[in-house]
Amino acid sequence: MNSSTPAIDVQGLYKSYGDKLVLDGIDLNVAEGTVFSLLGPNGAGKTTVVQILSTLITADAGEIRVAGHDLHRNPEAVRAAIGVTGQFSAVDGLLTGEENLIMMADLYHLGRREGRRRAAELLEQFDLVEPGKKMAMTYSGGMKRRLDLAMTLVGSPRIIFLDEPTTGLDPRSRHSMWQLIRQLVAGGVTVLLTTQYLEEADQLADQIAVLDHGRLVAQGSPEQLKRLAPGGHVRLRFNAPEEFALAAQALQATAQDDDALVLQVPNDGSVHSLRALLARIDDASLEVDELTVHTPDLDDVFFAVTGQPIANDTTDEKVTSK
């Protein structure tokens, strides 16, 4: 559900706290009906971006339009179009799942009948019909996150900010949340996602922006970003030492394990490059026992553009508001 008008358009975003510059001229363009992921190491400014775009704090400078509205001139219109799910759950453990949703409906002034209808609809959508009758303090982590996201959707927002939505979840609950996010996007919702899980960004994001020290250091689709990182190669394993020795001479390997009879040959993993390598193997009449392709992943990209591995963010402010 893309259109010529972006869901989020940011030009020259600056934010500082005292003499600490947190955001240094950020430009973002998020298409409607897509997932846009912000990645970055500790203190990179990811959550600060979310807080500014969701009107929780103000920017020092920058042109910002969210859902077609100028954030500075019309913040109320922006708030009406967005939903925010913070890293820490906003669920009230002393209320049932249904009561949490009805409470949100009351805050949106939906009216008693419409609020109950919307709560029932979301409990069904998020597979919480039976748990919805129980106090939220009895829920598992995955159930609480589903309810948290359902609460964000009570007002039918066009744009959702998800700040680390699967932190602390087990793999099964994380995959369940991913499926819910995909369903929302298929229905036309735009998602801006901050995450510490590179696999999550790889699985969900149409576009990724990498922040480092308040600046955008890389931006593009997951596949485009992976091409920025070095290290693509093909791993070849041989059964016979003589075949291994011949291959080491013929294939220009960059690394080899003499004991395991394994060679590592540079290759970007494209069809063209693989075909060329197979032709060289065939021309040399080599018998390869096993061939494995390794292409750079987002971990490689992250290290290449920031010079450090990704780690849990403990210095950015955390979004807790709905």
Protein backbone atom coordinates (compact mmCIF):
# COMPACT_ATOMS: atom_id res chain seq x y z
CA MET A 1 0.00 0.00 0.00
CA ASN A 2 2.66 2.50 -1.01
CA SER A 3 1.91 6.01 -2.22
CA SER A 4 3.86 9.03 -3.40
CA THR A 5 3.46 10.61 0.06
CA PRO A 6 5.75 8.94 2.59
CA ALA A 7 4.39 7.86 5.96
CA ILE A 8 7.37 9.55 7.63
CA ASP A 9 9.62 12.19 6.08
CA VAL A 10 12.49 13.62 8.13
CA GLN A 11 15.08 16.12 6.94
CA GLY A 12 17.99 17.41 9.00
CA LEU A 13 16.95 16.10 12.42
CA TYR A 14 19.11 17.41 15.27
CA LYS A 15 18.88 16.79 19.00
CA SER A 16 21.32 17.46 21.82
CA TYR A 17 21.30 17.32 25.59
CA GLY A 18 23.57 20.03 26.87
CA ASP A 19 26.87 19.65 25.03
CA LYS A 20 26.09 16.04 24.00
CA LEU A 21 24.92 15.82 20.38
CA VAL A 22 22.55 12.87 20.13
CA LEU A 23 21.24 13.26 16.57
CA ASP A 24 23.41 14.96 13.98
CA GLY A 25 21.36 15.80 10.89
CA ILE A 26 19.28 12.64 10.33
CA ASP A 27 17.29 12.18 7.09
CA LEU A 28 14.64 9.44 6.91
CA ASN A 29 12.00 8.55 4.36
CA VAL A 30 9.59 5.77 5.28
CA ALA A 31 7.15 4.52 2.64
CA GLU A 32 3.57 3.71 3.59
CA GLY A 33 2.73 0.08 4.27
CA THR A 34 6.36 -0.96 4.94
CA VAL A 35 8.61 -1.89 7.84
CA PHE A 36 11.49 0.51 8.41
CA SER A 37 14.07 -0.63 10.95
CA LEU A 38 16.52 1.49 12.93
CA LEU A 39 19.66 -0.31 14.06
CA GLY A 40 22.55 1.05 16.06
CA PRO A 41 24.96 0.40 18.93
CA ASN A 42 24.51 1.67 22.47
CA GLY A 43 23.58 5.33 22.60
CA ALA A 44 23.29 5.69 18.82
CA GLY A 45 20.05 7.68 19.11
CA LYS A 46 17.44 5.15 17.96
CA THR A 47 14.99 5.68 20.79
CA THR A 48 15.52 9.43 20.66
CA VAL A 49 14.34 9.34 17.03
CA VAL A 50 11.21 7.40 18.06
CA GLN A 51 10.50 9.79 20.93
CA ILE A 52 10.73 12.80 18.63
CA LEU A 53 8.60 11.28 15.87
CA SER A 54 5.94 10.21 18.39
CA THR A 55 5.84 13.75 19.89
CA LEU A 56 7.18 12.67 23.29
CA ILE A 57 10.14 15.07 23.07
CA THR A 58 10.97 17.96 20.73
CA ALA A 59 13.78 18.20 18.21
CA ASP A 60 16.27 21.05 18.21
CA ALA A 61 16.03 21.36 14.43
CA GLY A 62 14.66 19.54 11.43
CA GLU A 63 11.68 19.27 9.10
CA ILE A 64 9.41 16.40 10.15
CA ARG A 65 6.21 15.15 8.57
CA VAL A 66 4.38 12.13 9.98
CA ALA A 67 1.27 10.76 8.22
CA GLY A 68 1.35 13.87 6.05
CA HIS A 69 1.23 16.25 9.03
CA ASP A 70 3.88 18.76 10.05
CA LEU A 71 4.93 17.55 13.48
CA HIS A 72 5.84 21.02 14.75
CA ARG A 73 2.66 22.74 13.58
CA ASN A 74 0.14 19.96 14.13
CA PRO A 75 1.32 17.48 16.76
CA GLU A 76 -2.27 16.53 17.67
CA ALA A 77 -2.90 15.26 14.14
CA VAL A 78 0.31 13.24 14.34
CA ARG A 79 -0.74 11.70 17.66
CA ALA A 80 -4.09 10.73 16.18
CA ALA A 81 -2.37 8.80 13.38
CA ILE A 82 0.24 6.88 15.39
CA GLY A 83 0.61 4.19 18.03
CA VAL A 84 3.66 3.49 20.19
CA THR A 85 4.70 0.20 21.78
CA GLY A 86 7.68 0.74 24.05
CA GLN A 87 10.30 -1.74 25.11
CA PHE A 88 8.70 -2.00 28.53
CA SER A 89 5.14 -3.26 28.66
CA ALA A 90 2.36 -0.78 29.45
CA VAL A 91 0.01 -3.62 30.42
CA ASP A 92 -1.70 -3.28 33.82
CA GLY A 93 -1.17 -6.64 35.50
CA LEU A 94 -4.11 -6.18 37.88
CA LEU A 95 -6.58 -5.90 34.99
CA THR A 96 -7.68 -8.68 32.66
CA GLY A 97 -6.59 -8.56 29.04
CA GLU A 98 -10.07 -7.43 28.04
CA GLU A 99 -10.10 -4.72 30.72
CA ASN A 100 -6.74 -3.40 29.52
CA LEU A 101 -8.14 -3.03 26.02
CA ILE A 102 -11.36 -1.42 27.23
CA MET A 103 -9.30 1.02 29.30
CA MET A 104 -7.44 2.03 26.13
CA ALA A 105 -10.76 2.35 24.28
CA ASP A 106 -11.98 4.72 27.01
CA LEU A 107 -8.84 6.81 26.59
CA TYR A 108 -9.63 7.04 22.88
CA HIS A 109 -13.24 8.03 23.72
CA LEU A 110 -14.62 5.22 21.58
CA GLY A 111 -17.81 4.83 23.62
CA ARG A 112 -18.92 1.81 25.63
CA ARG A 113 -20.36 -0.27 22.78
CA GLU A 114 -17.61 0.52 20.25
CA GLY A 115 -14.90 0.02 22.88
CA ARG A 116 -16.13 -3.46 23.76
CA ARG A 117 -16.48 -4.34 20.08
CA ARG A 118 -12.92 -3.19 19.38
CA ALA A 119 -11.58 -5.07 22.42
CA ALA A 120 -13.29 -8.30 21.31
CA GLU A 121 -11.94 -7.83 17.78
CA LEU A 122 -8.37 -7.41 18.98
CA LEU A 123 -8.56 -10.32 21.43
CA GLU A 124 -9.60 -12.51 18.51
CA GLN A 125 -6.92 -11.12 16.21
CA PHE A 126 -4.15 -11.68 18.77
CA ASP A 127 -5.35 -15.11 19.92
CA LEU A 128 -6.16 -13.83 23.41
CA VAL A 129 -9.88 -14.62 23.70
CA GLU A 130 -9.56 -17.08 26.58
CA PRO A 131 -6.60 -15.36 28.30
CA GLY A 132 -8.52 -12.10 27.94
CA LYS A 133 -10.69 -13.14 30.90
CA LYS A 134 -7.64 -13.52 33.18
CA MET A 135 -5.50 -10.92 34.94
CA ALA A 136 -2.54 -9.88 32.79
CA MET A 137 -0.09 -10.64 35.61
CA THR A 138 -0.70 -14.34 34.85
CA TYR A 139 0.37 -13.97 31.21
CA SER A 140 3.61 -15.27 29.73
CA GLY A 141 6.07 -12.78 28.26
CA GLY A 142 4.84 -13.46 24.74
CA MET A 143 1.20 -13.02 25.72
CA LYS A 144 1.96 -9.71 27.44
CA ARG A 145 3.72 -8.42 24.34
CA ARG A 146 0.78 -9.45 22.15
CA LEU A 147 -1.61 -7.66 24.49
CA ASP A 148 0.71 -4.64 24.55
CA LEU A 149 0.63 -4.45 20.76
CA ALA A 150 -3.13 -4.98 20.73
CA MET A 151 -3.50 -2.02 23.11
CA THR A 152 -1.49 0.10 20.68
CA LEU A 153 -3.95 -0.81 17.92
CA VAL A 154 -7.15 0.16 19.76
CA GLY A 155 -7.17 3.54 18.03
CA SER A 156 -6.49 2.00 14.57
CA PRO A 157 -3.23 3.92 14.00
CA ARG A 158 -1.82 4.23 10.48
CA ILE A 159 1.77 4.26 11.78
CA ILE A 160 3.17 2.19 14.64
CA PHE A 161 6.47 2.74 16.43
CA LEU A 162 7.77 -0.52 17.88
CA ASP A 163 10.70 -0.02 20.25
CA GLU A 164 12.40 -3.39 20.81
CA PRO A 165 9.09 -5.31 20.64
CA THR A 166 10.53 -8.81 21.20
CA THR A 167 13.18 -8.15 23.85
CA GLY A 168 13.23 -11.02 26.32
CA LEU A 169 10.90 -13.27 24.33
CA ASP A 170 11.67 -16.90 23.58
CA PRO A 171 12.15 -17.83 19.89
CA ARG A 172 8.60 -19.15 19.47
CA SER A 173 7.04 -15.98 20.92
CA ARG A 174 9.37 -13.84 18.82
CA HIS A 175 8.28 -15.59 15.61
CA SER A 176 4.64 -15.21 16.66
CA MET A 177 5.18 -11.45 17.06
CA TRP A 178 6.87 -11.28 13.67
CA GLN A 179 3.83 -12.88 12.07
CA LEU A 180 1.54 -10.34 13.71
CA ILE A 181 3.72 -7.49 12.44
CA ARG A 182 3.64 -8.92 8.91
CA GLN A 183 -0.16 -9.12 9.07
CA LEU A 184 -0.40 -5.49 10.15
CA VAL A 185 1.82 -4.34 7.30
CA ALA A 186 -0.15 -6.45 4.82
CA GLY A 187 -3.19 -4.49 5.98
CA GLY A 188 -1.49 -1.18 5.12
CA VAL A 189 -0.01 -0.21 8.48
CA THR A 190 3.46 1.37 8.49
CA VAL A 191 5.91 0.14 11.14
CA LEU A 192 9.04 1.89 12.36
CA LEU A 193 10.98 -0.74 14.29
CA THR A 194 13.96 -0.42 16.57
CA THR A 195 15.54 -3.72 17.46
CA GLN A 196 18.70 -5.28 18.82
CA TYR A 197 18.03 -8.52 16.95
CA LEU A 198 19.65 -8.35 13.54
CA GLU A 199 17.71 -11.42 12.41
CA GLU A 200 14.51 -9.53 13.28
CA ALA A 201 15.45 -6.62 11.02
CA ASP A 202 16.50 -9.05 8.28
CA GLN A 203 13.19 -10.92 8.52
CA LEU A 204 10.85 -7.93 8.71
CA ALA A 205 12.38 -4.76 7.30
CA ASP A 206 11.90 -3.42 3.81
CA GLN A 207 14.46 -0.72 4.58
CA ILE A 208 17.09 -0.45 7.31
CA ALA A 209 18.94 2.59 8.60
CA VAL A 210 22.04 2.14 10.77
CA LEU A 211 22.73 4.89 13.30
CA ASP A 212 26.12 5.42 14.91
CA HIS A 213 27.01 8.36 17.16
CA GLY A 214 23.88 10.19 16.03
CA ARG A 215 24.57 9.88 12.31
CA LEU A 216 23.22 7.63 9.60
CA VAL A 217 26.13 5.50 8.46
CA ALA A 218 24.21 3.15 6.14
CA GLN A 219 20.72 2.89 4.69
CA GLY A 220 19.01 0.56 2.24
CA SER A 221 17.26 -2.77 1.90
CA PRO A 222 18.75 -5.73 3.80
CA GLU A 223 20.20 -7.10 0.56
CA GLN A 224 21.69 -3.73 -0.40
CA LEU A 225 23.33 -3.40 3.01
CA LYS A 226 24.78 -6.89 2.89
CA ARG A 227 26.67 -5.92 -0.26
CA LEU A 228 28.51 -3.27 1.80
CA ALA A 229 30.21 -5.88 3.95
CA PRO A 230 33.28 -7.84 2.93
CA GLY A 231 33.70 -11.51 3.68
CA GLY A 232 31.55 -13.40 1.18
CA HIS A 233 33.11 -16.73 0.38
CA VAL A 234 32.56 -20.34 -0.60
CA ARG A 235 33.76 -23.08 1.71
CA LEU A 236 35.02 -26.19 -0.10
CA ARG A 237 35.76 -29.45 1.68
CA PHE A 238 37.69 -32.31 0.08
CA ASN A 239 38.09 -35.98 0.94
CA ALA A 240 41.47 -36.55 -0.67
CA PRO A 241 44.65 -34.63 0.33
CA GLU A 242 45.84 -34.59 -3.28
CA GLU A 243 42.57 -32.99 -4.46
CA PHE A 244 42.87 -30.45 -1.65
CA ALA A 245 46.42 -29.55 -2.69
CA LEU A 246 45.45 -29.14 -6.35
CA ALA A 247 42.46 -26.99 -5.43
CA ALA A 248 44.58 -24.73 -3.21
CA GLN A 249 46.75 -23.95 -6.23
CA ALA A 250 43.94 -23.63 -8.78
CA LEU A 251 41.30 -21.64 -6.88
CA GLN A 252 43.23 -18.83 -5.20
CA ALA A 253 41.92 -19.62 -1.75
CA THR A 254 42.27 -16.92 0.92
CA ALA A 255 42.20 -19.38 3.82
CA GLN A 256 42.76 -23.08 4.22
CA ASP A 257 42.60 -25.73 6.91
CA ASP A 258 45.12 -28.43 6.07
CA ASP A 259 43.82 -30.81 8.73
CA ALA A 260 40.14 -30.57 7.75
CA LEU A 261 40.96 -30.30 4.00
CA VAL A 262 38.88 -27.13 3.75
CA LEU A 263 39.45 -24.12 1.49
CA GLN A 264 37.80 -20.70 1.66
CA VAL A 265 37.47 -19.01 -1.73
CA PRO A 266 36.26 -15.37 -2.07
CA ASN A 267 32.81 -15.18 -3.67
CA ASP A 268 29.88 -12.77 -3.36
CA GLY A 269 27.32 -15.58 -3.66
CA SER A 270 25.72 -14.29 -6.86
CA VAL A 271 24.66 -16.75 -9.54
CA HIS A 272 27.27 -15.35 -11.92
CA SER A 273 30.11 -15.72 -9.38
CA LEU A 274 29.06 -19.23 -8.35
CA ARG A 275 28.79 -20.34 -11.95
CA ALA A 276 32.31 -19.01 -12.62
CA LEU A 277 33.70 -20.85 -9.59
CA LEU A 278 32.02 -24.12 -10.59
CA ALA A 279 33.49 -23.73 -14.07
CA ARG A 280 36.98 -23.35 -12.57
CA ILE A 281 36.42 -26.45 -10.42
CA ASP A 282 35.26 -28.38 -13.47
CA ASP A 283 38.17 -27.17 -15.62
CA ALA A 284 40.61 -28.36 -12.96
CA SER A 285 38.77 -31.72 -12.71
CA LEU A 286 38.48 -31.36 -8.96
CA GLU A 287 36.31 -33.64 -6.81
CA VAL A 288 34.66 -31.49 -4.14
CA ASP A 289 32.98 -33.34 -1.28
CA GLU A 290 31.05 -30.38 0.12
CA LEU A 291 30.37 -26.79 -0.99
CA THR A 292 28.90 -24.14 1.33
CA VAL A 293 28.14 -20.52 0.40
CA HIS A 294 28.59 -17.82 3.03
CA THR A 295 27.27 -14.37 2.17
CA PRO A 296 27.67 -11.42 4.55
CA ASP A 297 24.77 -11.06 6.99
CA LEU A 298 23.60 -8.03 8.94
CA ASP A 299 26.08 -8.83 11.71
CA ASP A 300 28.86 -8.37 9.15
CA VAL A 301 27.26 -5.15 7.91
CA PHE A 302 26.85 -3.78 11.40
CA PHE A 303 30.47 -4.42 12.26
CA ALA A 304 31.66 -3.04 8.90
CA VAL A 305 29.82 0.31 9.22
CA THR A 306 30.13 0.89 12.98
CA GLY A 307 33.32 -0.95 13.86
CA GLN A 308 31.62 -2.76 16.72
CA PRO A 309 29.22 -5.64 17.29
CA ILE A 310 25.63 -4.83 18.19
CA ALA A 311 24.82 -5.01 21.90
CA ASN A 312 21.83 -4.45 24.13
CA ASP A 313 21.02 -0.74 24.30
CA THR A 314 21.25 0.63 27.82
CA THR A 315 21.91 4.31 27.25
CA ASP A 316 19.11 5.52 24.95
CA GLU A 317 15.95 6.69 26.65
CA LYS A 318 13.23 4.04 26.57
CA VAL A 319 9.77 4.64 25.15
CA THR A 320 7.07 3.55 27.59
CA SER A 321 4.10 5.60 26.47
CA LYS A 322 1.25 4.51 24.30
